[in-house]
């Protein structure tokens, strides 16, 4: 029973880092333009110079998250598997 708060922390860590990795992957795949547009608007805005800054911000976000978050996700996953054996 004393390990349950730690297990809850690990589960929340997995969920949080997983969501961050998912959004970073979506930003990388879409070139940074997935935040608040429909698919039709996405295809129209993809090559528009008006949205260049949004593309740069999305690409920088993706690069930052995909560089620093995976070790934490892997660590939470290893701890979770080790804790539940």
N, C-alpha and C. Protein backbone atom coordinates (compact mmCIF):
# COMPACT_ATOMS: atom_id res chain seq x y z
N UNK A 1 0.81 -1.20 0.00
CA UNK A 1 0.00 0.00 0.00
C UNK A 1 0.85 1.26 0.00
N UNK A 2 2.03 1.20 0.54
CA UNK A 2 2.84 2.41 0.62
C UNK A 2 3.40 2.82 -0.73
N UNK A 3 3.38 1.93 -1.71
CA UNK A 3 3.93 2.26 -3.03
C UNK A 3 2.92 2.84 -3.99
N UNK A 4 1.64 2.90 -3.60
CA UNK A 4 0.62 3.40 -4.52
C UNK A 4 0.79 4.86 -4.91
N UNK A 5 1.15 5.77 -4.01
CA UNK A 5 1.37 7.15 -4.47
C UNK A 5 2.49 7.23 -5.52
N UNK A 6 3.51 6.43 -5.36
CA UNK A 6 4.59 6.41 -6.34
C UNK A 6 4.10 5.87 -7.68
N UNK A 7 3.27 4.83 -7.64
CA UNK A 7 2.70 4.27 -8.86
C UNK A 7 1.81 5.29 -9.57
N UNK A 8 1.03 6.03 -8.81
CA UNK A 8 0.19 7.07 -9.40
C UNK A 8 1.05 8.14 -10.05
N UNK A 9 2.14 8.54 -9.39
CA UNK A 9 3.08 9.50 -9.97
C UNK A 9 3.65 8.99 -11.28
N UNK A 10 4.01 7.73 -11.33
CA UNK A 10 4.58 7.14 -12.55
C UNK A 10 3.53 7.10 -13.66
N UNK A 11 2.30 6.75 -13.33
CA UNK A 11 1.24 6.71 -14.34
C UNK A 11 0.97 8.10 -14.89
N UNK A 12 0.89 9.10 -14.02
CA UNK A 12 0.70 10.47 -14.50
C UNK A 12 1.90 10.94 -15.33
N UNK A 13 3.09 10.53 -14.93
CA UNK A 13 4.27 10.87 -15.73
C UNK A 13 4.22 10.26 -17.11
N UNK A 14 3.79 9.00 -17.19
CA UNK A 14 3.62 8.35 -18.50
C UNK A 14 2.58 9.07 -19.35
N UNK A 15 1.45 9.40 -18.75
CA UNK A 15 0.40 10.09 -19.50
C UNK A 15 0.86 11.46 -19.99
N UNK A 16 1.47 12.24 -19.11
CA UNK A 16 1.90 13.59 -19.47
C UNK A 16 2.97 13.56 -20.56
N UNK A 17 3.99 12.74 -20.38
CA UNK A 17 5.04 12.68 -21.40
C UNK A 17 4.51 12.06 -22.69
N UNK A 18 3.58 11.12 -22.59
CA UNK A 18 2.98 10.55 -23.80
C UNK A 18 2.20 11.58 -24.59
N UNK A 19 1.45 12.42 -23.90
CA UNK A 19 0.70 13.49 -24.58
C UNK A 19 1.65 14.49 -25.22
N UNK A 20 2.71 14.85 -24.51
CA UNK A 20 3.70 15.76 -25.09
C UNK A 20 4.33 15.16 -26.34
N UNK A 21 4.68 13.88 -26.29
CA UNK A 21 5.28 13.24 -27.46
C UNK A 21 4.29 13.16 -28.62
N UNK A 22 3.03 12.90 -28.33
CA UNK A 22 2.02 12.85 -29.38
C UNK A 22 1.85 14.20 -30.06
N UNK A 23 1.76 15.27 -29.28
CA UNK A 23 1.61 16.60 -29.89
C UNK A 23 2.86 17.00 -30.66
N UNK A 24 4.04 16.63 -30.16
CA UNK A 24 5.27 16.94 -30.89
C UNK A 24 5.34 16.16 -32.19
N UNK A 25 4.90 14.90 -32.17
CA UNK A 25 4.88 14.11 -33.39
C UNK A 25 3.92 14.71 -34.41
N UNK A 26 2.74 15.12 -33.95
CA UNK A 26 1.78 15.76 -34.85
C UNK A 26 2.34 17.06 -35.43
N UNK A 27 3.03 17.84 -34.60
CA UNK A 27 3.63 19.07 -35.09
C UNK A 27 4.71 18.78 -36.12
N UNK A 28 5.47 17.73 -35.91
CA UNK A 28 6.53 17.38 -36.86
C UNK A 28 5.94 16.90 -38.18
N UNK A 29 4.92 16.07 -38.12
CA UNK A 29 4.31 15.53 -39.34
C UNK A 29 3.62 16.63 -40.15
N UNK A 30 2.96 17.57 -39.47
CA UNK A 30 2.22 18.61 -40.17
C UNK A 30 3.04 19.87 -40.42
N UNK A 31 4.29 19.86 -40.05
CA UNK A 31 5.13 21.03 -40.26
C UNK A 31 4.81 22.17 -39.31
N UNK A 32 4.17 21.88 -38.20
CA UNK A 32 3.85 22.89 -37.20
C UNK A 32 2.49 23.51 -37.36
N UNK A 33 1.69 23.06 -38.31
CA UNK A 33 0.39 23.68 -38.58
C UNK A 33 -0.77 22.76 -38.25
N UNK A 34 -0.91 22.30 -37.04
CA UNK A 34 -2.05 21.44 -36.73
C UNK A 34 -2.89 21.99 -35.59
N UNK A 35 -2.54 23.10 -35.03
CA UNK A 35 -3.12 23.52 -33.76
C UNK A 35 -4.60 23.82 -33.81
N UNK A 36 -5.07 24.65 -34.70
CA UNK A 36 -6.49 25.02 -34.64
C UNK A 36 -7.06 25.25 -36.03
N UNK A 37 -6.93 24.28 -36.87
CA UNK A 37 -7.49 24.43 -38.22
C UNK A 37 -8.04 23.10 -38.70
N UNK A 38 -8.99 23.22 -39.60
CA UNK A 38 -9.55 22.02 -40.21
C UNK A 38 -8.59 21.51 -41.28
N UNK A 39 -8.87 20.34 -41.80
CA UNK A 39 -8.00 19.76 -42.83
C UNK A 39 -7.99 20.63 -44.08
N UNK A 40 -9.14 21.18 -44.43
CA UNK A 40 -9.22 22.07 -45.60
C UNK A 40 -8.34 23.30 -45.40
N UNK A 41 -8.44 23.92 -44.22
CA UNK A 41 -7.62 25.09 -43.94
C UNK A 41 -6.14 24.73 -43.87
N UNK A 42 -5.84 23.54 -43.39
CA UNK A 42 -4.44 23.11 -43.32
C UNK A 42 -3.82 23.08 -44.71
N UNK A 43 -4.51 22.48 -45.67
CA UNK A 43 -3.96 22.38 -47.03
C UNK A 43 -3.84 23.76 -47.67
N UNK A 44 -4.75 24.68 -47.34
CA UNK A 44 -4.66 26.04 -47.89
C UNK A 44 -3.51 26.82 -47.25
N UNK A 45 -3.27 26.61 -45.97
CA UNK A 45 -2.27 27.38 -45.24
C UNK A 45 -0.87 26.78 -45.29
N UNK A 46 -0.75 25.60 -45.85
CA UNK A 46 0.53 24.89 -45.82
C UNK A 46 1.65 25.67 -46.49
N UNK A 47 1.40 26.27 -47.62
CA UNK A 47 2.43 27.00 -48.35
C UNK A 47 2.27 28.51 -48.27
N UNK A 48 1.41 28.98 -47.40
CA UNK A 48 1.18 30.41 -47.26
C UNK A 48 2.29 31.05 -46.43
N UNK A 49 2.91 32.12 -46.94
CA UNK A 49 3.95 32.79 -46.15
C UNK A 49 3.39 33.50 -44.91
N UNK A 50 2.08 33.71 -44.89
CA UNK A 50 1.45 34.37 -43.75
C UNK A 50 1.58 33.53 -42.48
N UNK A 51 1.66 32.22 -42.61
CA UNK A 51 1.73 31.31 -41.47
C UNK A 51 3.14 30.76 -41.24
N UNK A 52 4.14 31.42 -41.78
CA UNK A 52 5.52 30.97 -41.65
C UNK A 52 5.97 30.97 -40.18
N UNK A 53 5.60 32.01 -39.45
CA UNK A 53 6.01 32.08 -38.04
C UNK A 53 5.37 30.94 -37.23
N UNK A 54 4.12 30.62 -37.51
CA UNK A 54 3.47 29.50 -36.82
C UNK A 54 4.17 28.19 -37.15
N UNK A 55 4.59 28.02 -38.39
CA UNK A 55 5.32 26.81 -38.78
C UNK A 55 6.64 26.72 -38.04
N UNK A 56 7.35 27.84 -37.91
CA UNK A 56 8.62 27.84 -37.19
C UNK A 56 8.42 27.51 -35.71
N UNK A 57 7.40 28.09 -35.11
CA UNK A 57 7.12 27.81 -33.70
C UNK A 57 6.77 26.34 -33.51
N UNK A 58 5.94 25.79 -34.38
CA UNK A 58 5.57 24.38 -34.30
C UNK A 58 6.77 23.46 -34.50
N UNK A 59 7.64 23.82 -35.43
CA UNK A 59 8.85 23.01 -35.66
C UNK A 59 9.80 23.09 -34.47
N UNK A 60 9.96 24.28 -33.90
CA UNK A 60 10.81 24.42 -32.72
C UNK A 60 10.25 23.65 -31.53
N UNK A 61 8.94 23.70 -31.34
CA UNK A 61 8.28 22.95 -30.27
C UNK A 61 8.53 21.45 -30.46
N UNK A 62 8.32 20.99 -31.68
CA UNK A 62 8.51 19.58 -31.98
C UNK A 62 9.95 19.15 -31.70
N UNK A 63 10.90 19.95 -32.15
CA UNK A 63 12.31 19.61 -31.95
C UNK A 63 12.64 19.57 -30.45
N UNK A 64 12.17 20.55 -29.71
CA UNK A 64 12.46 20.62 -28.28
C UNK A 64 11.88 19.42 -27.52
N UNK A 65 10.63 19.11 -27.78
CA UNK A 65 9.97 18.01 -27.08
C UNK A 65 10.59 16.67 -27.46
N UNK A 66 10.82 16.46 -28.76
CA UNK A 66 11.36 15.18 -29.20
C UNK A 66 12.82 14.99 -28.80
N UNK A 67 13.48 16.06 -28.40
CA UNK A 67 14.87 15.95 -27.96
C UNK A 67 14.97 15.64 -26.46
N UNK A 68 14.10 16.24 -25.65
CA UNK A 68 14.27 16.15 -24.20
C UNK A 68 13.26 15.26 -23.47
N UNK A 69 12.10 15.00 -24.03
CA UNK A 69 11.06 14.25 -23.31
C UNK A 69 11.21 12.73 -23.41
N UNK A 70 11.67 12.15 -24.53
CA UNK A 70 11.73 10.68 -24.60
C UNK A 70 12.51 9.98 -23.48
N UNK A 71 13.63 10.53 -22.99
CA UNK A 71 14.29 9.83 -21.87
C UNK A 71 13.40 9.74 -20.63
N UNK A 72 12.61 10.78 -20.37
CA UNK A 72 11.70 10.74 -19.22
C UNK A 72 10.59 9.72 -19.45
N UNK A 73 10.06 9.66 -20.68
CA UNK A 73 9.02 8.69 -21.00
C UNK A 73 9.55 7.28 -20.83
N UNK A 74 10.75 7.02 -21.33
CA UNK A 74 11.35 5.69 -21.22
C UNK A 74 11.61 5.35 -19.75
N UNK A 75 12.07 6.33 -18.98
CA UNK A 75 12.32 6.09 -17.56
C UNK A 75 11.03 5.76 -16.83
N UNK A 76 9.97 6.52 -17.09
CA UNK A 76 8.68 6.22 -16.47
C UNK A 76 8.18 4.84 -16.88
N UNK A 77 8.39 4.48 -18.14
CA UNK A 77 7.94 3.18 -18.62
C UNK A 77 8.71 2.05 -17.94
N UNK A 78 10.01 2.20 -17.81
CA UNK A 78 10.83 1.17 -17.14
C UNK A 78 10.42 1.04 -15.67
N UNK A 79 10.23 2.17 -15.00
CA UNK A 79 9.81 2.13 -13.60
C UNK A 79 8.45 1.47 -13.47
N UNK A 80 7.53 1.79 -14.39
CA UNK A 80 6.19 1.21 -14.35
C UNK A 80 6.25 -0.30 -14.53
N UNK A 81 7.02 -0.76 -15.50
CA UNK A 81 7.14 -2.20 -15.75
C UNK A 81 7.82 -2.88 -14.56
N UNK A 82 8.87 -2.28 -14.03
CA UNK A 82 9.58 -2.86 -12.89
C UNK A 82 8.68 -2.90 -11.65
N UNK A 83 7.88 -1.86 -11.46
CA UNK A 83 7.03 -1.77 -10.29
C UNK A 83 5.90 -2.81 -10.34
N UNK A 84 5.46 -3.19 -11.53
CA UNK A 84 4.31 -4.09 -11.67
C UNK A 84 4.70 -5.52 -12.02
N UNK A 85 5.91 -5.93 -11.77
CA UNK A 85 6.25 -7.32 -12.09
C UNK A 85 5.89 -8.26 -10.99
